[in-house]
N, C-alpha and C. Protein backbone atom coordinates (compact mmCIF):
# COMPACT_ATOMS: atom_id res chain seq x y z
N MET A 1 76.68 86.47 112.74
CA MET A 1 77.75 86.46 111.74
C MET A 1 78.87 85.54 112.22
N ASN A 2 79.28 84.64 111.37
CA ASN A 2 80.35 83.70 111.74
C ASN A 2 81.72 84.39 111.66
N ILE A 3 82.58 84.03 112.60
CA ILE A 3 83.93 84.57 112.62
C ILE A 3 84.88 83.54 112.05
N SER A 4 85.58 83.92 111.01
CA SER A 4 86.51 82.99 110.39
C SER A 4 87.75 82.83 111.25
N ILE A 5 88.55 81.78 110.93
CA ILE A 5 89.79 81.55 111.67
C ILE A 5 90.71 82.75 111.53
N PHE A 6 90.71 83.36 110.35
CA PHE A 6 91.57 84.53 110.13
C PHE A 6 91.17 85.68 111.04
N ASP A 7 89.84 85.91 111.13
CA ASP A 7 89.36 86.98 112.00
C ASP A 7 89.72 86.69 113.46
N LEU A 8 89.59 85.44 113.87
CA LEU A 8 89.92 85.08 115.25
C LEU A 8 91.40 85.29 115.53
N SER A 9 92.23 85.01 114.55
CA SER A 9 93.66 85.21 114.72
C SER A 9 94.01 86.68 114.93
N ILE A 10 93.20 87.56 114.37
CA ILE A 10 93.42 89.00 114.56
C ILE A 10 93.31 89.34 116.04
N TYR A 11 92.27 88.84 116.69
CA TYR A 11 92.03 89.15 118.09
C TYR A 11 93.05 88.48 119.00
N ILE A 12 93.48 87.29 118.62
CA ILE A 12 94.52 86.60 119.41
C ILE A 12 95.82 87.39 119.35
N LYS A 13 96.18 87.86 118.16
CA LYS A 13 97.41 88.66 118.02
C LYS A 13 97.30 89.97 118.81
N PHE A 14 96.13 90.58 118.78
CA PHE A 14 95.92 91.83 119.51
C PHE A 14 96.07 91.60 121.02
N PHE A 15 95.50 90.50 121.52
CA PHE A 15 95.59 90.17 122.95
C PHE A 15 97.04 89.88 123.36
N ILE A 16 97.72 89.07 122.57
CA ILE A 16 99.13 88.75 122.87
C ILE A 16 99.98 90.02 122.82
N GLY A 17 99.68 90.89 121.87
CA GLY A 17 100.43 92.14 121.76
C GLY A 17 100.27 93.02 122.99
N LEU A 18 99.04 93.12 123.50
CA LEU A 18 98.80 93.92 124.71
C LEU A 18 99.53 93.32 125.91
N CYS A 19 99.46 92.00 126.04
CA CYS A 19 100.14 91.33 127.16
C CYS A 19 101.65 91.52 127.09
N ALA A 20 102.19 91.47 125.88
CA ALA A 20 103.64 91.63 125.71
C ALA A 20 104.06 93.06 126.03
N LEU A 21 103.24 94.04 125.64
CA LEU A 21 103.57 95.44 125.87
C LEU A 21 103.49 95.80 127.35
N VAL A 22 102.46 95.32 128.04
CA VAL A 22 102.21 95.71 129.43
C VAL A 22 102.89 94.78 130.42
N ASN A 23 102.95 93.46 130.08
CA ASN A 23 103.54 92.45 130.96
C ASN A 23 102.88 92.47 132.35
N PRO A 24 101.62 92.02 132.47
CA PRO A 24 100.90 92.07 133.75
C PRO A 24 101.62 91.35 134.89
N ILE A 25 102.27 90.22 134.59
CA ILE A 25 102.99 89.49 135.63
C ILE A 25 104.16 90.33 136.15
N GLY A 26 104.86 90.97 135.25
CA GLY A 26 105.97 91.83 135.65
C GLY A 26 105.52 93.07 136.40
N MET A 27 104.23 93.43 136.25
CA MET A 27 103.69 94.59 136.94
C MET A 27 103.34 94.32 138.40
N ILE A 28 103.31 93.03 138.80
CA ILE A 28 102.91 92.68 140.17
C ILE A 28 103.79 93.37 141.22
N PRO A 29 105.13 93.34 141.10
CA PRO A 29 105.96 94.03 142.10
C PRO A 29 105.70 95.53 142.15
N ILE A 30 105.42 96.14 141.00
CA ILE A 30 105.13 97.57 140.96
C ILE A 30 103.83 97.86 141.69
N PHE A 31 102.81 97.06 141.43
CA PHE A 31 101.52 97.23 142.10
C PHE A 31 101.67 97.02 143.60
N THR A 32 102.46 96.00 143.98
CA THR A 32 102.71 95.71 145.39
C THR A 32 103.40 96.88 146.08
N THR A 33 104.38 97.44 145.41
CA THR A 33 105.13 98.56 145.97
C THR A 33 104.24 99.78 146.17
N MET A 34 103.42 100.08 145.19
CA MET A 34 102.60 101.29 145.24
C MET A 34 101.40 101.17 146.16
N THR A 35 101.03 99.96 146.55
CA THR A 35 99.85 99.78 147.40
C THR A 35 100.18 99.14 148.74
N ASN A 36 101.47 99.08 149.11
CA ASN A 36 101.84 98.39 150.35
C ASN A 36 101.33 99.12 151.59
N HIS A 37 100.98 100.43 151.46
CA HIS A 37 100.45 101.20 152.59
C HIS A 37 98.95 101.01 152.77
N GLN A 38 98.30 100.34 151.83
CA GLN A 38 96.85 100.20 151.85
C GLN A 38 96.42 98.92 152.55
N SER A 39 95.19 98.95 153.06
CA SER A 39 94.61 97.73 153.63
C SER A 39 94.20 96.80 152.50
N LEU A 40 93.83 95.57 152.85
CA LEU A 40 93.43 94.60 151.83
C LEU A 40 92.24 95.10 151.02
N LEU A 41 91.27 95.70 151.71
CA LEU A 41 90.08 96.21 151.03
C LEU A 41 90.43 97.37 150.10
N GLU A 42 91.30 98.27 150.59
CA GLU A 42 91.73 99.40 149.77
C GLU A 42 92.51 98.93 148.55
N ARG A 43 93.33 97.91 148.74
CA ARG A 43 94.13 97.39 147.62
C ARG A 43 93.23 96.78 146.56
N LYS A 44 92.19 96.07 147.00
CA LYS A 44 91.25 95.48 146.03
C LYS A 44 90.50 96.58 145.27
N LYS A 45 90.15 97.65 145.99
CA LYS A 45 89.47 98.77 145.34
C LYS A 45 90.39 99.44 144.33
N THR A 46 91.65 99.65 144.72
CA THR A 46 92.63 100.24 143.80
C THR A 46 92.80 99.38 142.56
N ASN A 47 92.89 98.07 142.76
CA ASN A 47 93.04 97.13 141.66
C ASN A 47 91.86 97.23 140.70
N LEU A 48 90.64 97.25 141.25
CA LEU A 48 89.44 97.29 140.43
C LEU A 48 89.36 98.59 139.64
N ILE A 49 89.57 99.73 140.34
CA ILE A 49 89.48 101.03 139.68
C ILE A 49 90.56 101.17 138.61
N ALA A 50 91.78 100.71 138.91
CA ALA A 50 92.87 100.82 137.96
C ALA A 50 92.56 100.09 136.66
N ASN A 51 92.04 98.88 136.77
CA ASN A 51 91.78 98.10 135.57
C ASN A 51 90.54 98.56 134.82
N ILE A 52 89.54 99.06 135.55
CA ILE A 52 88.38 99.65 134.87
C ILE A 52 88.80 100.89 134.11
N ALA A 53 89.62 101.73 134.78
CA ALA A 53 90.09 102.96 134.13
C ALA A 53 90.96 102.63 132.92
N ALA A 54 91.84 101.63 133.06
CA ALA A 54 92.71 101.25 131.95
C ALA A 54 91.89 100.73 130.77
N SER A 55 90.87 99.92 131.06
CA SER A 55 90.04 99.40 129.97
C SER A 55 89.27 100.52 129.28
N LEU A 56 88.79 101.50 130.06
CA LEU A 56 88.08 102.64 129.46
C LEU A 56 89.02 103.47 128.59
N ILE A 57 90.26 103.66 129.07
CA ILE A 57 91.24 104.42 128.29
C ILE A 57 91.52 103.73 126.96
N LEU A 58 91.70 102.40 127.01
CA LEU A 58 91.99 101.65 125.78
C LEU A 58 90.77 101.61 124.86
N LEU A 59 89.57 101.53 125.43
CA LEU A 59 88.36 101.53 124.60
C LEU A 59 88.18 102.88 123.92
N ILE A 60 88.44 103.96 124.66
CA ILE A 60 88.37 105.30 124.05
C ILE A 60 89.42 105.43 122.95
N SER A 61 90.61 104.88 123.21
CA SER A 61 91.67 104.92 122.20
C SER A 61 91.27 104.13 120.97
N LEU A 62 90.58 103.00 121.19
CA LEU A 62 90.15 102.15 120.09
C LEU A 62 89.17 102.87 119.16
N PHE A 63 88.21 103.57 119.76
CA PHE A 63 87.16 104.19 118.96
C PHE A 63 87.47 105.64 118.55
N PHE A 64 88.18 106.36 119.43
CA PHE A 64 88.37 107.79 119.16
C PHE A 64 89.83 108.24 119.19
N GLY A 65 90.77 107.32 119.48
CA GLY A 65 92.16 107.72 119.68
C GLY A 65 92.76 108.50 118.54
N GLY A 66 92.66 107.94 117.35
CA GLY A 66 93.23 108.61 116.19
C GLY A 66 92.65 109.99 115.97
N SER A 67 91.33 110.12 116.12
CA SER A 67 90.66 111.41 115.91
C SER A 67 91.06 112.42 116.97
N ILE A 68 91.18 111.96 118.24
CA ILE A 68 91.54 112.88 119.33
C ILE A 68 92.94 113.43 119.13
N LEU A 69 93.90 112.54 118.83
CA LEU A 69 95.27 112.99 118.64
C LEU A 69 95.39 113.92 117.43
N ASN A 70 94.70 113.59 116.37
CA ASN A 70 94.73 114.44 115.17
C ASN A 70 94.10 115.79 115.44
N ALA A 71 93.04 115.80 116.24
CA ALA A 71 92.34 117.05 116.54
C ALA A 71 93.26 118.02 117.30
N PHE A 72 94.11 117.48 118.16
CA PHE A 72 95.02 118.33 118.93
C PHE A 72 96.41 118.42 118.29
N GLY A 73 96.57 117.76 117.17
CA GLY A 73 97.86 117.80 116.49
C GLY A 73 98.97 117.09 117.25
N ILE A 74 98.60 116.03 118.00
CA ILE A 74 99.56 115.29 118.82
C ILE A 74 99.89 113.97 118.14
N SER A 75 101.16 113.65 118.06
CA SER A 75 101.58 112.38 117.47
C SER A 75 101.75 111.33 118.56
N ILE A 76 101.73 110.07 118.15
CA ILE A 76 101.95 108.97 119.10
C ILE A 76 103.33 109.10 119.74
N ASN A 77 104.30 109.53 118.96
CA ASN A 77 105.66 109.65 119.48
C ASN A 77 105.75 110.72 120.56
N SER A 78 105.05 111.83 120.39
CA SER A 78 105.02 112.87 121.41
C SER A 78 104.35 112.35 122.68
N PHE A 79 103.29 111.57 122.51
CA PHE A 79 102.59 110.98 123.64
C PHE A 79 103.51 109.99 124.37
N ARG A 80 104.29 109.24 123.61
CA ARG A 80 105.23 108.28 124.20
C ARG A 80 106.29 109.00 125.04
N ILE A 81 106.78 110.14 124.56
CA ILE A 81 107.78 110.91 125.30
C ILE A 81 107.19 111.46 126.60
N ALA A 82 105.95 111.97 126.53
CA ALA A 82 105.29 112.51 127.72
C ALA A 82 105.09 111.41 128.77
N GLY A 83 104.69 110.22 128.33
CA GLY A 83 104.53 109.10 129.26
C GLY A 83 105.85 108.70 129.89
N GLY A 84 106.92 108.75 129.12
CA GLY A 84 108.24 108.41 129.64
C GLY A 84 108.70 109.38 130.71
N ILE A 85 108.43 110.67 130.50
CA ILE A 85 108.81 111.68 131.50
C ILE A 85 108.03 111.46 132.80
N LEU A 86 106.75 111.14 132.70
CA LEU A 86 105.94 110.88 133.89
C LEU A 86 106.47 109.67 134.65
N ILE A 87 106.81 108.61 133.94
CA ILE A 87 107.33 107.40 134.58
C ILE A 87 108.65 107.68 135.28
N ILE A 88 109.52 108.47 134.66
CA ILE A 88 110.82 108.79 135.26
C ILE A 88 110.64 109.59 136.55
N SER A 89 109.68 110.51 136.56
CA SER A 89 109.45 111.30 137.77
C SER A 89 108.98 110.42 138.93
N ILE A 90 108.18 109.41 138.63
CA ILE A 90 107.74 108.45 139.65
C ILE A 90 108.91 107.60 140.10
N ALA A 91 109.75 107.20 139.15
CA ALA A 91 110.90 106.36 139.46
C ALA A 91 111.88 107.08 140.40
N PHE A 92 112.07 108.38 140.20
CA PHE A 92 112.96 109.15 141.06
C PHE A 92 112.50 109.09 142.52
N SER A 93 111.20 109.26 142.74
CA SER A 93 110.67 109.26 144.10
C SER A 93 110.77 107.87 144.73
N MET A 94 110.68 106.82 143.91
CA MET A 94 110.79 105.46 144.44
C MET A 94 112.23 105.13 144.82
N ILE A 95 113.18 105.54 144.01
CA ILE A 95 114.59 105.25 144.28
C ILE A 95 115.09 106.02 145.50
N SER A 96 114.67 107.28 145.63
CA SER A 96 115.14 108.11 146.74
C SER A 96 114.44 107.80 148.05
N GLY A 97 113.33 107.07 147.97
CA GLY A 97 112.57 106.75 149.19
C GLY A 97 111.49 107.77 149.48
N ASP A 98 111.43 108.84 148.69
CA ASP A 98 110.41 109.87 148.91
C ASP A 98 109.01 109.32 148.72
N PHE A 99 108.87 108.34 147.83
CA PHE A 99 107.56 107.75 147.57
C PHE A 99 106.99 107.12 148.83
N ILE A 100 107.83 106.32 149.54
CA ILE A 100 107.39 105.66 150.77
C ILE A 100 107.21 106.67 151.89
N ASN A 101 108.16 107.60 152.03
CA ASN A 101 108.08 108.60 153.10
C ASN A 101 106.86 109.49 152.95
N LYS A 102 106.52 109.82 151.72
CA LYS A 102 105.35 110.65 151.47
C LYS A 102 104.09 109.93 151.90
N ILE A 103 104.04 108.63 151.66
CA ILE A 103 102.88 107.84 152.04
C ILE A 103 102.74 107.79 153.56
N LYS A 104 103.85 107.59 154.25
CA LYS A 104 103.82 107.44 155.70
C LYS A 104 103.50 108.74 156.42
N SER A 105 103.99 109.87 155.90
CA SER A 105 103.86 111.15 156.60
C SER A 105 102.64 111.95 156.18
N THR A 106 101.88 111.45 155.22
CA THR A 106 100.76 112.23 154.70
C THR A 106 99.61 112.32 155.69
N SER A 107 98.86 113.39 155.60
CA SER A 107 97.66 113.54 156.40
C SER A 107 96.52 112.81 155.73
N HIS A 108 95.36 112.79 156.41
CA HIS A 108 94.20 112.07 155.85
C HIS A 108 93.76 112.71 154.55
N GLU A 109 93.80 114.05 154.49
CA GLU A 109 93.36 114.74 153.27
C GLU A 109 94.31 114.46 152.13
N GLU A 110 95.60 114.46 152.40
CA GLU A 110 96.60 114.19 151.37
C GLU A 110 96.54 112.74 150.93
N LYS A 111 96.18 111.85 151.84
CA LYS A 111 96.14 110.42 151.54
C LYS A 111 95.11 110.13 150.46
N LYS A 112 94.05 110.93 150.41
CA LYS A 112 93.04 110.74 149.38
C LYS A 112 93.66 110.95 148.00
N THR A 113 94.58 111.93 147.91
CA THR A 113 95.24 112.19 146.63
C THR A 113 96.15 111.04 146.25
N ILE A 114 96.92 110.51 147.21
CA ILE A 114 97.83 109.42 146.93
C ILE A 114 97.06 108.16 146.51
N ASP A 115 95.90 107.96 147.12
CA ASP A 115 95.11 106.79 146.77
C ASP A 115 94.63 106.83 145.33
N ASN A 116 94.73 107.99 144.67
CA ASN A 116 94.36 108.09 143.27
C ASN A 116 95.39 107.46 142.35
N ILE A 117 96.39 106.78 142.92
CA ILE A 117 97.35 106.05 142.10
C ILE A 117 96.66 104.99 141.26
N SER A 118 95.42 104.66 141.61
CA SER A 118 94.67 103.69 140.82
C SER A 118 94.49 104.18 139.39
N VAL A 119 94.37 105.49 139.21
CA VAL A 119 94.21 106.07 137.87
C VAL A 119 95.57 106.48 137.31
N VAL A 120 96.31 107.29 138.09
CA VAL A 120 97.67 107.70 137.70
C VAL A 120 98.60 107.39 138.85
N PRO A 121 99.60 106.54 138.68
CA PRO A 121 100.14 106.06 137.39
C PRO A 121 99.73 104.63 137.03
N LEU A 122 98.91 103.93 137.86
CA LEU A 122 98.65 102.52 137.57
C LEU A 122 97.88 102.33 136.26
N ALA A 123 96.69 102.95 136.16
CA ALA A 123 95.91 102.79 134.93
C ALA A 123 96.63 103.40 133.74
N MET A 124 97.19 104.59 133.99
CA MET A 124 97.90 105.31 132.93
C MET A 124 99.05 106.07 133.56
N PRO A 125 100.30 105.85 133.16
CA PRO A 125 100.69 105.18 131.91
C PRO A 125 101.21 103.75 132.08
N LEU A 126 101.06 103.12 133.28
CA LEU A 126 101.68 101.80 133.47
C LEU A 126 100.90 100.67 132.79
N ILE A 127 99.57 100.67 132.89
CA ILE A 127 98.78 99.63 132.21
C ILE A 127 98.42 100.11 130.81
N ALA A 128 97.64 101.16 130.74
CA ALA A 128 97.29 101.75 129.44
C ALA A 128 98.32 102.81 129.11
N GLY A 129 99.53 102.38 128.80
CA GLY A 129 100.62 103.30 128.50
C GLY A 129 100.69 103.66 127.04
N PRO A 130 101.70 104.42 126.66
CA PRO A 130 101.84 104.82 125.26
C PRO A 130 101.90 103.63 124.31
N GLY A 131 102.58 102.56 124.74
CA GLY A 131 102.68 101.38 123.88
C GLY A 131 101.33 100.74 123.64
N ALA A 132 100.57 100.51 124.73
CA ALA A 132 99.25 99.87 124.60
C ALA A 132 98.28 100.76 123.83
N ILE A 133 98.32 102.07 124.13
CA ILE A 133 97.42 103.00 123.44
C ILE A 133 97.74 103.09 121.96
N SER A 134 99.03 103.24 121.64
CA SER A 134 99.42 103.34 120.23
C SER A 134 99.10 102.06 119.49
N SER A 135 99.32 100.91 120.15
CA SER A 135 98.98 99.63 119.53
C SER A 135 97.49 99.53 119.26
N THR A 136 96.68 99.98 120.23
CA THR A 136 95.22 99.94 120.07
C THR A 136 94.77 100.83 118.92
N ILE A 137 95.35 102.02 118.83
CA ILE A 137 94.99 102.94 117.75
C ILE A 137 95.37 102.36 116.39
N VAL A 138 96.55 101.74 116.33
CA VAL A 138 97.00 101.14 115.07
C VAL A 138 96.05 100.02 114.64
N TRP A 139 95.66 99.14 115.59
CA TRP A 139 94.74 98.05 115.26
C TRP A 139 93.39 98.59 114.81
N SER A 140 92.94 99.68 115.42
CA SER A 140 91.64 100.25 115.05
C SER A 140 91.67 100.82 113.64
N THR A 141 92.84 101.30 113.19
CA THR A 141 92.94 101.82 111.83
C THR A 141 93.05 100.69 110.81
N TYR A 142 93.65 99.56 111.20
CA TYR A 142 93.77 98.42 110.30
C TYR A 142 92.42 97.72 110.11
N TYR A 143 91.68 97.57 111.21
CA TYR A 143 90.41 96.83 111.18
C TYR A 143 89.33 97.73 111.77
N SER A 144 88.74 98.54 110.92
CA SER A 144 87.86 99.61 111.37
C SER A 144 86.37 99.28 111.26
N THR A 145 86.02 98.05 110.86
CA THR A 145 84.60 97.70 110.79
C THR A 145 84.05 97.52 112.20
N TRP A 146 82.74 97.66 112.32
CA TRP A 146 82.11 97.54 113.65
C TRP A 146 82.31 96.15 114.23
N MET A 147 82.34 95.16 113.38
CA MET A 147 82.56 93.78 113.85
C MET A 147 83.95 93.65 114.47
N ASN A 148 84.93 94.19 113.79
CA ASN A 148 86.30 94.13 114.31
C ASN A 148 86.46 94.97 115.57
N LEU A 149 85.83 96.14 115.60
CA LEU A 149 85.92 96.99 116.79
C LEU A 149 85.27 96.32 117.99
N PHE A 150 84.18 95.62 117.77
CA PHE A 150 83.52 94.88 118.85
C PHE A 150 84.44 93.77 119.36
N GLY A 151 85.07 93.05 118.42
CA GLY A 151 85.99 91.98 118.81
C GLY A 151 87.18 92.51 119.58
N CYS A 152 87.74 93.65 119.14
CA CYS A 152 88.87 94.26 119.85
C CYS A 152 88.44 94.77 121.22
N SER A 153 87.20 95.24 121.33
CA SER A 153 86.68 95.69 122.63
C SER A 153 86.62 94.52 123.61
N PHE A 154 86.19 93.37 123.14
CA PHE A 154 86.16 92.17 123.98
C PHE A 154 87.58 91.79 124.42
N VAL A 155 88.53 91.90 123.51
CA VAL A 155 89.93 91.58 123.83
C VAL A 155 90.45 92.51 124.93
N ILE A 156 90.11 93.79 124.84
CA ILE A 156 90.55 94.76 125.85
C ILE A 156 89.97 94.41 127.22
N CYS A 157 88.70 94.03 127.26
CA CYS A 157 88.07 93.63 128.53
C CYS A 157 88.73 92.36 129.09
N LEU A 158 89.06 91.43 128.21
CA LEU A 158 89.73 90.20 128.64
C LEU A 158 91.12 90.51 129.17
N PHE A 159 91.82 91.41 128.52
CA PHE A 159 93.15 91.82 128.96
C PHE A 159 93.09 92.48 130.34
N SER A 160 92.09 93.32 130.57
CA SER A 160 91.92 93.97 131.87
C SER A 160 91.64 92.94 132.96
N LEU A 161 90.89 91.90 132.61
CA LEU A 161 90.60 90.82 133.57
C LEU A 161 91.88 90.09 133.96
N VAL A 162 92.75 89.85 132.99
CA VAL A 162 94.03 89.19 133.27
C VAL A 162 94.88 90.05 134.21
N CYS A 163 94.92 91.36 133.95
CA CYS A 163 95.68 92.27 134.83
C CYS A 163 95.09 92.26 136.23
N TRP A 164 93.77 92.27 136.33
CA TRP A 164 93.10 92.26 137.63
C TRP A 164 93.45 90.99 138.41
N LEU A 165 93.45 89.85 137.73
CA LEU A 165 93.79 88.59 138.39
C LEU A 165 95.24 88.58 138.87
N CYS A 166 96.14 89.13 138.05
CA CYS A 166 97.55 89.20 138.45
C CYS A 166 97.73 90.06 139.69
N PHE A 167 97.04 91.19 139.74
CA PHE A 167 97.17 92.09 140.88
C PHE A 167 96.50 91.54 142.13
N GLN A 168 95.54 90.64 141.95
CA GLN A 168 94.86 90.05 143.09
C GLN A 168 95.82 89.22 143.96
N VAL A 169 96.86 88.66 143.36
CA VAL A 169 97.79 87.83 144.12
C VAL A 169 98.85 88.67 144.83
N SER A 170 98.83 90.00 144.61
CA SER A 170 99.85 90.86 145.22
C SER A 170 99.88 90.80 146.75
N PRO A 171 98.74 90.62 147.46
CA PRO A 171 98.82 90.53 148.93
C PRO A 171 99.71 89.39 149.41
N PHE A 172 99.72 88.29 148.68
CA PHE A 172 100.59 87.17 149.05
C PHE A 172 102.06 87.56 148.90
N VAL A 173 102.34 88.37 147.89
CA VAL A 173 103.70 88.85 147.69
C VAL A 173 104.11 89.75 148.85
N VAL A 174 103.18 90.60 149.32
CA VAL A 174 103.45 91.49 150.44
C VAL A 174 103.76 90.70 151.71
N GLN A 175 102.97 89.65 151.97
CA GLN A 175 103.16 88.82 153.17
C GLN A 175 104.51 88.10 153.14
N ILE A 176 104.92 87.67 151.97
CA ILE A 176 106.17 86.92 151.85
C ILE A 176 107.39 87.84 152.02
N LEU A 177 107.32 89.03 151.42
CA LEU A 177 108.49 89.92 151.40
C LEU A 177 108.65 90.72 152.69
N GLY A 178 107.55 91.19 153.29
CA GLY A 178 107.65 92.03 154.47
C GLY A 178 108.05 93.45 154.11
N LYS A 179 108.17 94.32 155.15
CA LYS A 179 108.48 95.74 154.91
C LYS A 179 109.87 95.93 154.31
N THR A 180 110.85 95.19 154.85
CA THR A 180 112.22 95.34 154.34
C THR A 180 112.31 94.93 152.88
N GLY A 181 111.69 93.82 152.56
CA GLY A 181 111.69 93.34 151.18
C GLY A 181 111.00 94.32 150.25
N ILE A 182 109.90 94.92 150.71
CA ILE A 182 109.18 95.90 149.91
C ILE A 182 110.05 97.12 149.65
N ASN A 183 110.78 97.58 150.70
CA ASN A 183 111.67 98.73 150.54
C ASN A 183 112.75 98.45 149.50
N VAL A 184 113.30 97.25 149.54
CA VAL A 184 114.33 96.88 148.56
C VAL A 184 113.74 96.84 147.16
N ILE A 185 112.59 96.20 147.04
CA ILE A 185 111.94 96.08 145.73
C ILE A 185 111.53 97.45 145.20
N THR A 186 111.12 98.35 146.12
CA THR A 186 110.73 99.70 145.70
C THR A 186 111.85 100.37 144.92
N ARG A 187 113.07 100.27 145.44
CA ARG A 187 114.20 100.91 144.78
C ARG A 187 114.60 100.18 143.50
N ILE A 188 114.51 98.85 143.52
CA ILE A 188 114.83 98.09 142.31
C ILE A 188 113.82 98.40 141.21
N MET A 189 112.52 98.40 141.57
CA MET A 189 111.49 98.68 140.59
C MET A 189 111.56 100.12 140.12
N GLY A 190 112.00 101.02 141.01
CA GLY A 190 112.20 102.41 140.60
C GLY A 190 113.24 102.52 139.50
N LEU A 191 114.32 101.74 139.66
CA LEU A 191 115.37 101.73 138.63
C LEU A 191 114.84 101.15 137.32
N LEU A 192 114.06 100.07 137.43
CA LEU A 192 113.48 99.47 136.23
C LEU A 192 112.48 100.42 135.57
N LEU A 193 111.69 101.10 136.40
CA LEU A 193 110.72 102.06 135.85
C LEU A 193 111.44 103.20 135.14
N MET A 194 112.55 103.65 135.72
CA MET A 194 113.31 104.71 135.08
C MET A 194 113.84 104.26 133.73
N SER A 195 114.31 103.01 133.67
CA SER A 195 114.78 102.46 132.40
C SER A 195 113.65 102.39 131.39
N LEU A 196 112.46 101.99 131.87
CA LEU A 196 111.30 101.92 130.98
C LEU A 196 110.94 103.31 130.46
N GLY A 197 110.98 104.31 131.36
CA GLY A 197 110.68 105.67 130.93
C GLY A 197 111.66 106.18 129.90
N ILE A 198 112.94 105.86 130.10
CA ILE A 198 113.97 106.26 129.14
C ILE A 198 113.74 105.59 127.79
N GLU A 199 113.30 104.32 127.83
CA GLU A 199 113.00 103.60 126.58
C GLU A 199 111.87 104.29 125.83
N PHE A 200 110.82 104.71 126.57
CA PHE A 200 109.71 105.41 125.94
C PHE A 200 110.19 106.70 125.28
N ILE A 201 111.00 107.45 126.03
CA ILE A 201 111.49 108.73 125.51
C ILE A 201 112.40 108.54 124.30
N SER A 202 113.34 107.59 124.40
CA SER A 202 114.28 107.37 123.30
C SER A 202 113.55 106.87 122.06
N ALA A 203 112.52 106.00 122.27
CA ALA A 203 111.75 105.51 121.12
C ALA A 203 111.00 106.65 120.45
N GLY A 204 110.44 107.55 121.26
CA GLY A 204 109.72 108.69 120.69
C GLY A 204 110.64 109.63 119.95
N ILE A 205 111.81 109.92 120.56
CA ILE A 205 112.76 110.84 119.93
C ILE A 205 113.32 110.24 118.64
N SER A 206 113.64 108.94 118.69
CA SER A 206 114.22 108.30 117.50
C SER A 206 113.22 108.25 116.34
N SER A 207 111.92 108.20 116.68
CA SER A 207 110.91 108.21 115.63
C SER A 207 110.71 109.61 115.05
N ILE A 208 110.80 110.63 115.93
CA ILE A 208 110.64 112.01 115.46
C ILE A 208 111.89 112.47 114.71
N PHE A 209 113.06 112.10 115.26
CA PHE A 209 114.33 112.44 114.62
C PHE A 209 115.09 111.16 114.29
N PRO A 210 114.75 110.51 113.19
CA PRO A 210 115.29 109.17 112.87
C PRO A 210 116.82 109.08 112.89
N LYS A 211 117.50 110.15 112.49
CA LYS A 211 118.96 110.10 112.37
C LYS A 211 119.67 110.51 113.67
N LEU A 212 118.90 110.98 114.66
CA LEU A 212 119.52 111.52 115.86
C LEU A 212 120.13 110.45 116.75
N LEU A 213 119.45 109.30 116.92
CA LEU A 213 119.91 108.24 117.81
C LEU A 213 120.51 107.07 117.05
N HIS A 214 120.90 107.26 115.83
CA HIS A 214 121.49 106.18 115.04
C HIS A 214 122.90 106.55 114.62
């Protein structure tokens, strides 16, 4: 089946929308901060798992997102607020230094739990966050044919590849900045993450209660 220019433009807009929502380049310092305790091999593994998990989350959202949320009676705005609260809790630990101290003082058994940052919070909600998920669900409702869903699935895989490539350069960032630079960036990114979480929460609240924040 031939794809018209109009159909191709749909996928281009979807890809640009995901990149704008997630900002993979802007995520590099966050990935660097959260994986600075890991070896090069561990960091590559975290990168791979995070992007595979994020792509799976977005693919599930594409095909089943609307049905899952409706089945549980959950709105996109409620999901956005929950994601914002999670991001703020992570931001608090980064600003206070607890995030770094916890990594340094953890035992081997506890370290296994921390290494799961590849799924939470990297894959979700930082890569496949409320914005990306809600955008994916909206696109799936607009273009629900199997041809369109296949095209959007390819876009999601391409987007995950872009994120993976961006995170691959993070070791060079670590070498340039050093431990002191990472500590400074940790607190700066914590502040930015907190702002992002507040934006998620305020957007969700303003949508649920339109007159409350206006």
